[in-house]
Amino acid sequence: MPELIGIGVGPGDPELLTVKAVNAIHNADVILCPASKEDRPSIALSVVSSLIDKSKNQEIIKLIFPMTKDQKVLEETWKKNAKIMAEVVLSGKNAVYLTVGDPYLYSTWIYMHKEIEKNFPSVKINVIPGIVSMFTFASKVGVSIAEGAEKVSIIPSCYDLTTVKEIAKNSETLVFLKDGRYFDQVVNLLKEAGFPDNSIFAIGQDLGTKDEIIRKLTLGEVNDGTLTTKYFSILVVKRV
């Protein structure tokens, strides 16, 4: 029976895909992948491009998910793309949907799964988890995300600094994901929340790619200025 498989392709290194994920990609008739605009490449697809067997003539469909906070636009996009995905499977083809990191952590797959489950209940769905960037980053930097009874908070963006400050007061480790363009705004906030100057302050961008950059500092060593201009970045701050 044809099925749709959501696949987490990890943070960027194709060698970090699971064997199960690679097999599913090889066996798919159609590869579905997200992109922010028609003229933008799919980051998820670029991760697995070296693994695709071009002799199989697999169909690749890029689905557009615009970067917007307009809820109406988002909901219309989810419905449209979910319908495309469901119709592929209902036509008798096995399909995979690629997403950076893990399908259930800040991923477009979450909305696709909900829409398809609601409107196309006959579509068989499976999910293959992926390695998320925080664990890849921790292994490169050599810092523990959590130990003992430490509390960890994951923050998808730092637009609301008031909320971030309250979270920081009650956490030993903060993991900031996604929009690195705002990382420089949290330095003073962290100090106000009680993070000492010797706290670990590690930042990374383009993990798993040839453009990878990793910096490990203490909070006290961070100077004024832009830390990163990349959207897909990660910042881990840990009390010591």
C-alpha atoms as a PDB file:
ATOM      1  CA  MET A   1       0.000   0.000   0.000  1.00  0.00           C
ATOM      2  CA  PRO A   2       1.455   3.421  -0.938  1.00  0.00           C
ATOM      3  CA  GLU A   3       2.458   5.598   1.994  1.00  0.00           C
ATOM      4  CA  LEU A   4       3.801   8.989   2.973  1.00  0.00           C
ATOM      5  CA  ILE A   5       6.920   9.047   5.138  1.00  0.00           C
ATOM      6  CA  GLY A   6       8.074  12.160   6.973  1.00  0.00           C
ATOM      7  CA  ILE A   7      11.859  12.059   7.255  1.00  0.00           C
ATOM      8  CA  GLY A   8      14.116  14.088   9.516  1.00  0.00           C
ATOM      9  CA  VAL A   9      17.329  14.677   7.542  1.00  0.00           C
ATOM     10  CA  GLY A  10      19.265  16.083  10.485  1.00  0.00           C
ATOM     11  CA  PRO A  11      21.235  19.332  10.707  1.00  0.00           C
ATOM     12  CA  GLY A  12      23.053  19.225   7.368  1.00  0.00           C
ATOM     13  CA  ASP A  13      25.512  16.340   7.228  1.00  0.00           C
ATOM     14  CA  PRO A  14      24.154  13.528   5.007  1.00  0.00           C
ATOM     15  CA  GLU A  15      26.217  10.992   6.960  1.00  0.00           C
ATOM     16  CA  LEU A  16      24.025  11.683   9.998  1.00  0.00           C
ATOM     17  CA  LEU A  17      20.901  10.285   8.332  1.00  0.00           C
ATOM     18  CA  THR A  18      19.686   6.990   9.726  1.00  0.00           C
ATOM     19  CA  VAL A  19      19.899   3.840   7.615  1.00  0.00           C
ATOM     20  CA  LYS A  20      16.104   3.703   7.718  1.00  0.00           C
ATOM     21  CA  ALA A  21      15.866   7.238   6.297  1.00  0.00           C
ATOM     22  CA  VAL A  22      18.286   6.472   3.460  1.00  0.00           C
ATOM     23  CA  ASN A  23      16.381   3.310   2.542  1.00  0.00           C
ATOM     24  CA  ALA A  24      13.077   5.195   2.508  1.00  0.00           C
ATOM     25  CA  ILE A  25      14.515   7.863   0.201  1.00  0.00           C
ATOM     26  CA  HIS A  26      15.889   5.222  -2.172  1.00  0.00           C
ATOM     27  CA  ASN A  27      12.525   3.433  -2.292  1.00  0.00           C
ATOM     28  CA  ALA A  28      10.366   6.516  -2.849  1.00  0.00           C
ATOM     29  CA  ASP A  29       8.637   7.274  -6.132  1.00  0.00           C
ATOM     30  CA  VAL A  30       8.297  10.942  -5.189  1.00  0.00           C
ATOM     31  CA  ILE A  31      10.472  13.152  -2.996  1.00  0.00           C
ATOM     32  CA  LEU A  32       8.665  16.122  -1.471  1.00  0.00           C
ATOM     33  CA  CYS A  33      10.635  18.966   0.117  1.00  0.00           C
ATOM     34  CA  PRO A  34       9.965  22.428   1.560  1.00  0.00           C
ATOM     35  CA  ALA A  35      11.355  25.781   0.408  1.00  0.00           C
ATOM     36  CA  SER A  36      10.588  29.353   1.419  1.00  0.00           C
ATOM     37  CA  LYS A  37      10.244  30.670  -2.160  1.00  0.00           C
ATOM     38  CA  GLU A  38      10.040  29.346  -5.707  1.00  0.00           C
ATOM     39  CA  ASP A  39      13.509  30.657  -6.506  1.00  0.00           C
ATOM     40  CA  ARG A  40      15.062  29.379  -3.283  1.00  0.00           C
ATOM     41  CA  PRO A  41      16.594  25.925  -2.968  1.00  0.00           C
ATOM     42  CA  SER A  42      15.258  23.412  -0.490  1.00  0.00           C
ATOM     43  CA  ILE A  43      17.799  23.046   2.319  1.00  0.00           C
ATOM     44  CA  ALA A  44      16.360  19.649   3.248  1.00  0.00           C
ATOM     45  CA  LEU A  45      16.769  18.419  -0.330  1.00  0.00           C
ATOM     46  CA  SER A  46      20.346  19.693  -0.497  1.00  0.00           C
ATOM     47  CA  VAL A  47      21.237  17.545   2.521  1.00  0.00           C
ATOM     48  CA  VAL A  48      20.266  14.328   0.734  1.00  0.00           C
ATOM     49  CA  SER A  49      21.136  15.275  -2.864  1.00  0.00           C
ATOM     50  CA  SER A  50      24.233  13.068  -2.877  1.00  0.00           C
ATOM     51  CA  LEU A  51      22.108  10.079  -1.804  1.00  0.00           C
ATOM     52  CA  ILE A  52      19.532  10.310  -4.585  1.00  0.00           C
ATOM     53  CA  ASP A  53      19.927   7.706  -7.331  1.00  0.00           C
ATOM     54  CA  LYS A  54      19.334   9.710 -10.507  1.00  0.00           C
ATOM     55  CA  SER A  55      18.915   6.511 -12.555  1.00  0.00           C
ATOM     56  CA  LYS A  56      15.611   5.880 -10.792  1.00  0.00           C
ATOM     57  CA  ASN A  57      14.071   9.078 -12.183  1.00  0.00           C
ATOM     58  CA  GLN A  58      12.362   9.914  -8.924  1.00  0.00           C
ATOM     59  CA  GLU A  59      10.000  12.860  -9.146  1.00  0.00           C
ATOM     60  CA  ILE A  60      10.990  15.790  -6.921  1.00  0.00           C
ATOM     61  CA  ILE A  61       8.288  18.231  -5.847  1.00  0.00           C
ATOM     62  CA  LYS A  62       9.233  21.450  -4.073  1.00  0.00           C
ATOM     63  CA  LEU A  63       6.516  22.799  -1.799  1.00  0.00           C
ATOM     64  CA  ILE A  64       6.549  26.499  -0.934  1.00  0.00           C
ATOM     65  CA  PHE A  65       6.145  27.560   2.692  1.00  0.00           C
ATOM     66  CA  PRO A  66       6.422  31.369   2.830  1.00  0.00           C
ATOM     67  CA  MET A  67       8.242  32.961   5.770  1.00  0.00           C
ATOM     68  CA  THR A  68       5.364  34.942   7.244  1.00  0.00           C
ATOM     69  CA  LYS A  69       3.523  35.414  10.519  1.00  0.00           C
ATOM     70  CA  ASP A  70       0.198  35.941   8.738  1.00  0.00           C
ATOM     71  CA  GLN A  71      -1.896  33.092  10.140  1.00  0.00           C
ATOM     72  CA  LYS A  72      -4.356  33.144   7.256  1.00  0.00           C
ATOM     73  CA  VAL A  73      -1.574  32.804   4.690  1.00  0.00           C
ATOM     74  CA  LEU A  74       0.020  30.025   6.720  1.00  0.00           C
ATOM     75  CA  GLU A  75      -3.196  28.040   7.035  1.00  0.00           C
ATOM     76  CA  GLU A  76      -3.945  28.352   3.322  1.00  0.00           C
ATOM     77  CA  THR A  77      -0.410  27.187   2.550  1.00  0.00           C
ATOM     78  CA  TRP A  78      -0.720  24.181   4.850  1.00  0.00           C
ATOM     79  CA  LYS A  79      -4.000  23.108   3.249  1.00  0.00           C
ATOM     80  CA  LYS A  80      -2.655  23.535  -0.285  1.00  0.00           C
ATOM     81  CA  ASN A  81       0.573  21.617   0.329  1.00  0.00           C
ATOM     82  CA  ALA A  82      -1.113  18.878   2.349  1.00  0.00           C
ATOM     83  CA  LYS A  83      -3.524  18.326  -0.544  1.00  0.00           C
ATOM     84  CA  ILE A  84      -0.616  18.001  -2.996  1.00  0.00           C
ATOM     85  CA  MET A  85       1.115  15.493  -0.738  1.00  0.00           C
ATOM     86  CA  ALA A  86      -2.014  13.438  -0.152  1.00  0.00           C
ATOM     87  CA  GLU A  87      -2.901  13.307  -3.841  1.00  0.00           C
ATOM     88  CA  VAL A  88       0.567  11.946  -4.659  1.00  0.00           C
ATOM     89  CA  VAL A  89       0.004   8.994  -2.320  1.00  0.00           C
ATOM     90  CA  LEU A  90      -3.604   8.485  -3.351  1.00  0.00           C
ATOM     91  CA  SER A  91      -2.433   8.224  -6.964  1.00  0.00           C
ATOM     92  CA  GLY A  92      -0.555   5.079  -5.949  1.00  0.00           C
ATOM     93  CA  LYS A  93       2.953   6.453  -5.359  1.00  0.00           C
ATOM     94  CA  ASN A  94       5.208   6.078  -2.340  1.00  0.00           C
ATOM     95  CA  ALA A  95       6.344   9.508  -1.183  1.00  0.00           C
ATOM     96  CA  VAL A  96       8.779  10.927   1.350  1.00  0.00           C
ATOM     97  CA  TYR A  97       8.722  14.417   2.810  1.00  0.00           C
ATOM     98  CA  LEU A  98      12.109  15.780   3.847  1.00  0.00           C
ATOM     99  CA  THR A  99      12.558  18.168   6.732  1.00  0.00           C
ATOM    100  CA  VAL A 100      15.667  19.559   8.405  1.00  0.00           C
ATOM    101  CA  GLY A 101      16.297  18.219  11.912  1.00  0.00           C
ATOM    102  CA  ASP A 102      13.439  16.155  13.282  1.00  0.00           C
ATOM    103  CA  PRO A 103       9.875  16.130  11.881  1.00  0.00           C
ATOM    104  CA  TYR A 104       8.361  16.965  15.263  1.00  0.00           C
ATOM    105  CA  LEU A 105      10.561  19.859  16.358  1.00  0.00           C
ATOM    106  CA  TYR A 106       9.554  23.212  14.830  1.00  0.00           C
ATOM    107  CA  SER A 107       8.952  21.580  11.464  1.00  0.00           C
ATOM    108  CA  THR A 108       6.522  22.173   8.599  1.00  0.00           C
ATOM    109  CA  TRP A 109       5.814  18.434   8.768  1.00  0.00           C
ATOM    110  CA  ILE A 110       3.763  18.971  11.947  1.00  0.00           C
ATOM    111  CA  TYR A 111       1.156  21.000  10.054  1.00  0.00           C
ATOM    112  CA  MET A 112       1.202  18.673   7.066  1.00  0.00           C
ATOM    113  CA  HIS A 113       0.572  15.652   9.272  1.00  0.00           C
ATOM    114  CA  LYS A 114      -2.366  17.361  11.000  1.00  0.00           C
ATOM    115  CA  GLU A 115      -3.968  18.478   7.739  1.00  0.00           C
ATOM    116  CA  ILE A 116      -3.579  15.118   6.009  1.00  0.00           C
ATOM    117  CA  GLU A 117      -4.791  13.180   9.031  1.00  0.00           C
ATOM    118  CA  LYS A 118      -7.842  15.440   9.198  1.00  0.00           C
ATOM    119  CA  ASN A 119      -8.768  15.732   5.513  1.00  0.00           C
ATOM    120  CA  PHE A 120      -7.252  12.604   3.951  1.00  0.00           C
ATOM    121  CA  PRO A 121      -7.582   9.907   6.652  1.00  0.00           C
ATOM    122  CA  SER A 122      -7.022   7.071   4.161  1.00  0.00           C
ATOM    123  CA  VAL A 123      -3.421   8.153   3.551  1.00  0.00           C
ATOM    124  CA  LYS A 124      -0.990   5.889   5.365  1.00  0.00           C
ATOM    125  CA  ILE A 125       1.616   7.933   7.262  1.00  0.00           C
ATOM    126  CA  ASN A 126       4.910   6.952   8.861  1.00  0.00           C
ATOM    127  CA  VAL A 127       7.664   9.079  10.384  1.00  0.00           C
ATOM    128  CA  ILE A 128      11.427   8.556  10.619  1.00  0.00           C
ATOM    129  CA  PRO A 129      13.083  10.762  13.261  1.00  0.00           C
ATOM    130  CA  GLY A 130      16.226  12.770  12.617  1.00  0.00           C
ATOM    131  CA  ILE A 131      19.137  14.078  14.653  1.00  0.00           C
ATOM    132  CA  VAL A 132      18.400  17.620  15.797  1.00  0.00           C
ATOM    133  CA  SER A 133      20.968  20.417  15.625  1.00  0.00           C
ATOM    134  CA  MET A 134      21.356  20.867  19.374  1.00  0.00           C
ATOM    135  CA  PHE A 135      22.770  17.364  19.788  1.00  0.00           C
ATOM    136  CA  THR A 136      25.045  17.659  16.783  1.00  0.00           C
ATOM    137  CA  PHE A 137      26.249  21.006  18.090  1.00  0.00           C
ATOM    138  CA  ALA A 138      26.811  19.656  21.607  1.00  0.00           C
ATOM    139  CA  SER A 139      28.998  16.874  20.220  1.00  0.00           C
ATOM    140  CA  LYS A 140      31.111  19.373  18.267  1.00  0.00           C
ATOM    141  CA  VAL A 141      31.475  21.874  21.078  1.00  0.00           C
ATOM    142  CA  GLY A 142      31.866  19.303  23.856  1.00  0.00           C
ATOM    143  CA  VAL A 143      29.178  20.735  26.113  1.00  0.00           C
ATOM    144  CA  SER A 144      26.408  18.836  27.865  1.00  0.00           C
ATOM    145  CA  ILE A 145      22.882  19.946  27.125  1.00  0.00           C
ATOM    146  CA  ALA A 146      21.759  18.704  30.527  1.00  0.00           C
ATOM    147  CA  GLU A 147      23.145  16.755  33.452  1.00  0.00           C
ATOM    148  CA  GLY A 148      21.693  15.678  36.775  1.00  0.00           C
ATOM    149  CA  ALA A 149      18.537  17.661  37.511  1.00  0.00           C
ATOM    150  CA  GLU A 150      19.364  20.602  35.245  1.00  0.00           C
ATOM    151  CA  LYS A 151      16.494  22.254  33.410  1.00  0.00           C
ATOM    152  CA  VAL A 152      16.719  22.940  29.676  1.00  0.00           C
ATOM    153  CA  SER A 153      14.670  25.456  27.694  1.00  0.00           C
ATOM    154  CA  ILE A 154      14.409  25.473  23.905  1.00  0.00           C
ATOM    155  CA  ILE A 155      13.604  28.857  22.393  1.00  0.00           C
ATOM    156  CA  PRO A 156      12.653  28.979  18.688  1.00  0.00           C
ATOM    157  CA  SER A 157      13.302  32.711  18.371  1.00  0.00           C
ATOM    158  CA  CYS A 158      13.989  35.626  20.674  1.00  0.00           C
ATOM    159  CA  TYR A 159      11.549  38.213  19.387  1.00  0.00           C
ATOM    160  CA  ASP A 160       9.827  38.545  22.787  1.00  0.00           C
ATOM    161  CA  LEU A 161      12.720  39.401  25.093  1.00  0.00           C
ATOM    162  CA  THR A 162      10.498  39.658  28.175  1.00  0.00           C
ATOM    163  CA  THR A 163       9.469  36.029  27.835  1.00  0.00           C
ATOM    164  CA  VAL A 164      13.039  34.926  27.193  1.00  0.00           C
ATOM    165  CA  LYS A 165      14.244  36.691  30.326  1.00  0.00           C
ATOM    166  CA  GLU A 166      11.703  34.871  32.494  1.00  0.00           C
ATOM    167  CA  ILE A 167      12.628  31.542  30.928  1.00  0.00           C
ATOM    168  CA  ALA A 168      16.333  32.245  31.514  1.00  0.00           C
ATOM    169  CA  LYS A 169      15.770  32.862  35.227  1.00  0.00           C
ATOM    170  CA  ASN A 170      14.528  29.284  35.636  1.00  0.00           C
ATOM    171  CA  SER A 171      16.875  27.316  33.371  1.00  0.00           C
ATOM    172  CA  GLU A 172      20.459  26.063  33.576  1.00  0.00           C
ATOM    173  CA  THR A 173      20.750  25.645  29.804  1.00  0.00           C
ATOM    174  CA  LEU A 174      19.149  27.702  27.049  1.00  0.00           C
ATOM    175  CA  VAL A 175      19.077  26.495  23.449  1.00  0.00           C
ATOM    176  CA  PHE A 176      18.194  29.169  20.902  1.00  0.00           C
ATOM    177  CA  LEU A 177      17.191  27.780  17.513  1.00  0.00           C
ATOM    178  CA  LYS A 178      16.377  29.226  14.103  1.00  0.00           C
ATOM    179  CA  ASP A 179      16.768  32.986  13.821  1.00  0.00           C
ATOM    180  CA  GLY A 180      20.409  33.776  14.578  1.00  0.00           C
ATOM    181  CA  ARG A 181      19.966  37.381  13.498  1.00  0.00           C
ATOM    182  CA  TYR A 182      18.562  38.130  16.959  1.00  0.00           C
ATOM    183  CA  PHE A 183      21.136  36.338  19.091  1.00  0.00           C
ATOM    184  CA  ASP A 184      23.091  39.497  19.919  1.00  0.00           C
ATOM    185  CA  GLN A 185      20.000  40.922  21.636  1.00  0.00           C
ATOM    186  CA  VAL A 186      20.025  38.325  24.415  1.00  0.00           C
ATOM    187  CA  VAL A 187      23.499  38.931  25.854  1.00  0.00           C
ATOM    188  CA  ASN A 188      22.522  41.609  28.378  1.00  0.00           C
ATOM    189  CA  LEU A 189      19.257  39.822  29.036  1.00  0.00           C
ATOM    190  CA  LEU A 190      21.134  36.674  30.078  1.00  0.00           C
ATOM    191  CA  LYS A 191      23.274  38.647  32.523  1.00  0.00           C
ATOM    192  CA  GLU A 192      20.176  40.292  33.986  1.00  0.00           C
ATOM    193  CA  ALA A 193      18.640  36.841  34.391  1.00  0.00           C
ATOM    194  CA  GLY A 194      21.563  35.735  36.545  1.00  0.00           C
ATOM    195  CA  PHE A 195      23.839  33.937  34.089  1.00  0.00           C
ATOM    196  CA  PRO A 196      27.423  34.597  35.309  1.00  0.00           C
ATOM    197  CA  ASP A 197      30.190  35.816  33.007  1.00  0.00           C
ATOM    198  CA  ASN A 198      31.840  32.374  33.030  1.00  0.00           C
ATOM    199  CA  SER A 199      28.727  30.734  31.540  1.00  0.00           C
ATOM    200  CA  ILE A 200      29.388  28.774  28.335  1.00  0.00           C
ATOM    201  CA  PHE A 201      28.290  30.740  25.274  1.00  0.00           C
ATOM    202  CA  ALA A 202      28.529  28.648  22.101  1.00  0.00           C
ATOM    203  CA  ILE A 203      27.211  29.661  18.713  1.00  0.00           C
ATOM    204  CA  GLY A 204      27.117  27.831  15.394  1.00  0.00           C
ATOM    205  CA  GLN A 205      25.833  28.251  11.861  1.00  0.00           C
ATOM    206  CA  ASP A 206      25.605  26.093   8.745  1.00  0.00           C
ATOM    207  CA  LEU A 207      26.196  22.941  10.803  1.00  0.00           C
ATOM    208  CA  GLY A 208      27.282  19.906   8.833  1.00  0.00           C
ATOM    209  CA  THR A 209      28.181  21.888   5.711  1.00  0.00           C
ATOM    210  CA  LYS A 210      31.433  23.182   4.218  1.00  0.00           C
ATOM    211  CA  ASP A 211      30.497  26.647   5.508  1.00  0.00           C
ATOM    212  CA  GLU A 212      30.163  25.509   9.120  1.00  0.00           C
ATOM    213  CA  ILE A 213      31.258  28.038  11.740  1.00  0.00           C
ATOM    214  CA  ILE A 214      31.450  27.289  15.465  1.00  0.00           C
ATOM    215  CA  ARG A 215      32.502  29.655  18.238  1.00  0.00           C
ATOM    216  CA  LYS A 216      32.815  28.746  21.921  1.00  0.00           C
ATOM    217  CA  LEU A 217      33.190  31.632  24.348  1.00  0.00           C
ATOM    218  CA  THR A 218      32.157  32.599  27.835  1.00  0.00           C
ATOM    219  CA  LEU A 219      29.319  35.038  28.272  1.00  0.00           C
ATOM    220  CA  GLY A 220      31.807  37.603  29.571  1.00  0.00           C
ATOM    221  CA  GLU A 221      33.903  37.310  26.409  1.00  0.00           C
ATOM    222  CA  VAL A 222      31.065  38.224  24.060  1.00  0.00           C
ATOM    223  CA  ASN A 223      31.655  41.656  22.540  1.00  0.00           C
ATOM    224  CA  ASP A 224      29.112  44.102  21.155  1.00  0.00           C
ATOM    225  CA  GLY A 225      28.169  43.551  17.552  1.00  0.00           C
ATOM    226  CA  THR A 226      26.428  41.037  15.350  1.00  0.00           C
ATOM    227  CA  LEU A 227      27.069  37.422  16.324  1.00  0.00           C
ATOM    228  CA  THR A 228      25.617  35.905  13.159  1.00  0.00           C
ATOM    229  CA  THR A 229      23.479  36.986  10.224  1.00  0.00           C
ATOM    230  CA  LYS A 230      22.245  33.485   9.425  1.00  0.00           C
ATOM    231  CA  TYR A 231      18.661  32.388  10.004  1.00  0.00           C
ATOM    232  CA  PHE A 232      19.604  28.734  10.532  1.00  0.00           C
ATOM    233  CA  SER A 233      21.884  29.138  13.515  1.00  0.00           C
ATOM    234  CA  ILE A 234      22.098  27.790  17.032  1.00  0.00           C
ATOM    235  CA  LEU A 235      23.136  29.282  20.352  1.00  0.00           C
ATOM    236  CA  VAL A 236      23.668  27.258  23.524  1.00  0.00           C
ATOM    237  CA  VAL A 237      24.181  29.067  26.824  1.00  0.00           C
ATOM    238  CA  LYS A 238      24.922  27.064  29.958  1.00  0.00           C
ATOM    239  CA  ARG A 239      25.521  28.069  33.544  1.00  0.00           C
ATOM    240  CA  VAL A 240      28.727  26.628  35.034  1.00  0.00           C
END
